[in-house]
Amino acid sequence: MNSKIKVVKQRAKAITIIAALELGRRRRTEDASKLGKITSSKMVFEMMQPINGELSHEEFWALFLNNSNKVI
């Protein structure tokens, strides 16, 4: 009986950690969408990291900017 409680506690802790990571990812995505004018490569990194930072493969993306350096 005691081992079943231990397993349940471990699973609950794992679920809590996964949920916290997901909330952090969603928050970064929301923050990235609020970026206006692109002024540096760091801004591009901050915008794209939530989208493709955890992929298991490499992708090539292009950002299209207008004359004011804002993402179209």
N, C-alpha and C. Protein backbone atom coordinates (compact mmCIF):
# COMPACT_ATOMS: atom_id res chain seq x y z
N MET A 1 0.83 -1.19 0.00
CA MET A 1 0.00 0.00 0.00
C MET A 1 0.87 1.26 0.00
N ASN A 2 1.92 1.26 0.77
CA ASN A 2 2.79 2.40 0.89
C ASN A 2 3.49 2.73 -0.44
N SER A 3 3.83 1.69 -1.20
CA SER A 3 4.50 1.92 -2.47
C SER A 3 3.55 2.56 -3.49
N LYS A 4 2.26 2.25 -3.41
CA LYS A 4 1.29 2.87 -4.31
C LYS A 4 1.16 4.37 -4.04
N ILE A 5 1.21 4.74 -2.78
CA ILE A 5 1.14 6.16 -2.42
C ILE A 5 2.37 6.89 -2.94
N LYS A 6 3.52 6.24 -2.84
CA LYS A 6 4.77 6.83 -3.31
C LYS A 6 4.71 7.07 -4.83
N VAL A 7 4.16 6.11 -5.56
CA VAL A 7 4.03 6.23 -7.02
C VAL A 7 3.08 7.38 -7.37
N VAL A 8 1.99 7.49 -6.65
CA VAL A 8 1.02 8.56 -6.91
C VAL A 8 1.66 9.92 -6.65
N LYS A 9 2.42 10.03 -5.58
CA LYS A 9 3.10 11.29 -5.27
C LYS A 9 4.11 11.65 -6.34
N GLN A 10 4.86 10.67 -6.84
CA GLN A 10 5.85 10.92 -7.89
C GLN A 10 5.17 11.38 -9.18
N ARG A 11 4.07 10.76 -9.52
CA ARG A 11 3.34 11.15 -10.74
C ARG A 11 2.76 12.55 -10.58
N ALA A 12 2.24 12.86 -9.40
CA ALA A 12 1.68 14.19 -9.17
C ALA A 12 2.78 15.25 -9.29
N LYS A 13 3.95 14.96 -8.78
CA LYS A 13 5.06 15.90 -8.88
C LYS A 13 5.48 16.09 -10.33
N ALA A 14 5.55 15.00 -11.07
CA ALA A 14 5.91 15.07 -12.49
C ALA A 14 4.89 15.89 -13.27
N ILE A 15 3.62 15.69 -13.00
CA ILE A 15 2.57 16.44 -13.69
C ILE A 15 2.66 17.92 -13.35
N THR A 16 2.97 18.24 -12.10
CA THR A 16 3.12 19.63 -11.69
C THR A 16 4.28 20.29 -12.44
N ILE A 17 5.39 19.59 -12.57
CA ILE A 17 6.55 20.13 -13.29
C ILE A 17 6.22 20.34 -14.76
N ILE A 18 5.56 19.37 -15.37
CA ILE A 18 5.19 19.49 -16.79
C ILE A 18 4.25 20.67 -17.00
N ALA A 19 3.30 20.85 -16.10
CA ALA A 19 2.36 21.96 -16.20
C ALA A 19 3.08 23.30 -16.06
N ALA A 20 4.03 23.38 -15.15
CA ALA A 20 4.78 24.63 -14.97
C ALA A 20 5.60 24.96 -16.22
N LEU A 21 6.20 23.96 -16.82
CA LEU A 21 6.97 24.18 -18.05
C LEU A 21 6.06 24.65 -19.18
N GLU A 22 4.90 24.07 -19.30
CA GLU A 22 3.94 24.46 -20.34
C GLU A 22 3.47 25.90 -20.12
N LEU A 23 3.20 26.27 -18.88
CA LEU A 23 2.79 27.66 -18.60
C LEU A 23 3.89 28.64 -18.96
N GLY A 24 5.12 28.29 -18.66
CA GLY A 24 6.24 29.14 -19.03
C GLY A 24 6.37 29.29 -20.54
N ARG A 25 6.19 28.18 -21.27
CA ARG A 25 6.27 28.23 -22.73
C ARG A 25 5.17 29.12 -23.30
N ARG A 26 3.97 28.99 -22.78
CA ARG A 26 2.85 29.81 -23.26
C ARG A 26 3.08 31.29 -22.98
N ARG A 27 3.65 31.59 -21.82
CA ARG A 27 3.91 32.99 -21.47
C ARG A 27 4.95 33.59 -22.41
N ARG A 28 6.00 32.81 -22.72
CA ARG A 28 7.03 33.30 -23.66
C ARG A 28 6.42 33.55 -25.03
N THR A 29 5.50 32.69 -25.45
CA THR A 29 4.85 32.86 -26.74
C THR A 29 4.03 34.14 -26.76
N GLU A 30 3.31 34.42 -25.69
CA GLU A 30 2.51 35.65 -25.61
C GLU A 30 3.40 36.87 -25.62
N ASP A 31 4.50 36.83 -24.87
CA ASP A 31 5.43 37.96 -24.83
C ASP A 31 6.05 38.21 -26.20
N ALA A 32 6.36 37.13 -26.92
CA ALA A 32 6.99 37.26 -28.23
C ALA A 32 6.04 37.92 -29.22
N SER A 33 4.76 37.67 -29.11
CA SER A 33 3.80 38.24 -30.06
C SER A 33 3.61 39.73 -29.85
N LYS A 34 4.05 40.27 -28.71
CA LYS A 34 3.89 41.68 -28.42
C LYS A 34 5.07 42.52 -28.91
N LEU A 35 6.12 41.87 -29.44
CA LEU A 35 7.26 42.61 -29.93
C LEU A 35 6.86 43.45 -31.14
N GLY A 36 7.33 44.66 -31.19
CA GLY A 36 6.99 45.55 -32.30
C GLY A 36 8.11 45.57 -33.32
N LYS A 37 8.86 46.62 -33.31
CA LYS A 37 9.94 46.83 -34.26
C LYS A 37 11.13 45.93 -33.92
N ILE A 38 11.65 45.24 -34.92
CA ILE A 38 12.81 44.36 -34.74
C ILE A 38 14.07 45.23 -34.85
N THR A 39 14.84 45.26 -33.78
CA THR A 39 16.05 46.09 -33.78
C THR A 39 17.32 45.28 -33.59
N SER A 40 17.20 43.99 -33.31
CA SER A 40 18.40 43.18 -33.11
C SER A 40 18.09 41.70 -33.33
N SER A 41 19.15 40.93 -33.46
CA SER A 41 18.98 39.49 -33.61
C SER A 41 18.45 38.87 -32.31
N LYS A 42 18.74 39.50 -31.18
CA LYS A 42 18.23 39.01 -29.90
C LYS A 42 16.71 39.07 -29.87
N MET A 43 16.13 40.10 -30.45
CA MET A 43 14.66 40.21 -30.51
C MET A 43 14.07 39.08 -31.35
N VAL A 44 14.75 38.75 -32.45
CA VAL A 44 14.28 37.65 -33.30
C VAL A 44 14.37 36.34 -32.52
N PHE A 45 15.46 36.16 -31.79
CA PHE A 45 15.61 34.95 -30.98
C PHE A 45 14.48 34.85 -29.96
N GLU A 46 14.19 35.94 -29.27
CA GLU A 46 13.13 35.94 -28.26
C GLU A 46 11.76 35.66 -28.88
N MET A 47 11.57 36.09 -30.12
CA MET A 47 10.30 35.85 -30.80
C MET A 47 10.17 34.40 -31.25
N MET A 48 11.26 33.82 -31.73
CA MET A 48 11.19 32.49 -32.33
C MET A 48 11.46 31.35 -31.34
N GLN A 49 12.14 31.61 -30.25
CA GLN A 49 12.48 30.56 -29.29
C GLN A 49 11.27 29.77 -28.80
N PRO A 50 10.17 30.41 -28.42
CA PRO A 50 9.01 29.62 -27.97
C PRO A 50 8.41 28.75 -29.07
N ILE A 51 8.60 29.16 -30.31
CA ILE A 51 8.00 28.42 -31.43
C ILE A 51 8.82 27.20 -31.80
N ASN A 52 10.13 27.38 -31.94
CA ASN A 52 10.93 26.26 -32.42
C ASN A 52 12.10 25.90 -31.51
N GLY A 53 12.13 26.39 -30.29
CA GLY A 53 13.24 26.12 -29.40
C GLY A 53 13.30 24.71 -28.87
N GLU A 54 12.20 24.01 -28.85
CA GLU A 54 12.18 22.67 -28.27
C GLU A 54 11.94 21.59 -29.33
N LEU A 55 12.11 21.93 -30.59
CA LEU A 55 11.92 20.93 -31.64
C LEU A 55 13.07 19.94 -31.64
N SER A 56 12.80 18.72 -32.01
CA SER A 56 13.84 17.70 -32.07
C SER A 56 14.56 17.69 -33.41
N HIS A 57 14.15 18.59 -34.29
CA HIS A 57 14.78 18.68 -35.60
C HIS A 57 15.01 20.16 -35.93
N GLU A 58 15.79 20.40 -36.96
CA GLU A 58 16.12 21.77 -37.35
C GLU A 58 15.15 22.24 -38.42
N GLU A 59 14.75 23.50 -38.32
CA GLU A 59 13.87 24.11 -39.32
C GLU A 59 14.44 25.45 -39.75
N PHE A 60 14.11 25.88 -40.93
CA PHE A 60 14.50 27.18 -41.44
C PHE A 60 13.26 28.05 -41.52
N TRP A 61 13.31 29.22 -40.92
CA TRP A 61 12.20 30.15 -40.93
C TRP A 61 12.68 31.48 -41.49
N ALA A 62 11.78 32.22 -42.09
CA ALA A 62 12.08 33.57 -42.57
C ALA A 62 11.05 34.53 -41.98
N LEU A 63 11.52 35.66 -41.51
CA LEU A 63 10.63 36.71 -41.03
C LEU A 63 10.59 37.81 -42.08
N PHE A 64 9.41 38.22 -42.45
CA PHE A 64 9.25 39.28 -43.43
C PHE A 64 8.96 40.57 -42.69
N LEU A 65 9.76 41.59 -42.96
CA LEU A 65 9.63 42.88 -42.29
C LEU A 65 9.22 43.94 -43.29
N ASN A 66 8.50 44.95 -42.80
CA ASN A 66 8.19 46.10 -43.64
C ASN A 66 9.32 47.12 -43.52
N ASN A 67 9.15 48.29 -44.11
CA ASN A 67 10.21 49.31 -44.08
C ASN A 67 10.48 49.83 -42.67
N SER A 68 9.57 49.61 -41.75
CA SER A 68 9.75 50.06 -40.36
C SER A 68 10.32 48.95 -39.49
N ASN A 69 10.76 47.86 -40.08
CA ASN A 69 11.30 46.69 -39.38
C ASN A 69 10.28 46.05 -38.45
N LYS A 70 9.04 46.06 -38.83
CA LYS A 70 7.99 45.36 -38.09
C LYS A 70 7.62 44.12 -38.87
N VAL A 71 7.35 43.04 -38.14
CA VAL A 71 6.99 41.77 -38.78
C VAL A 71 5.65 41.94 -39.48
N ILE A 72 5.62 41.51 -40.72
CA ILE A 72 4.39 41.59 -41.51
C ILE A 72 3.51 40.41 -41.17
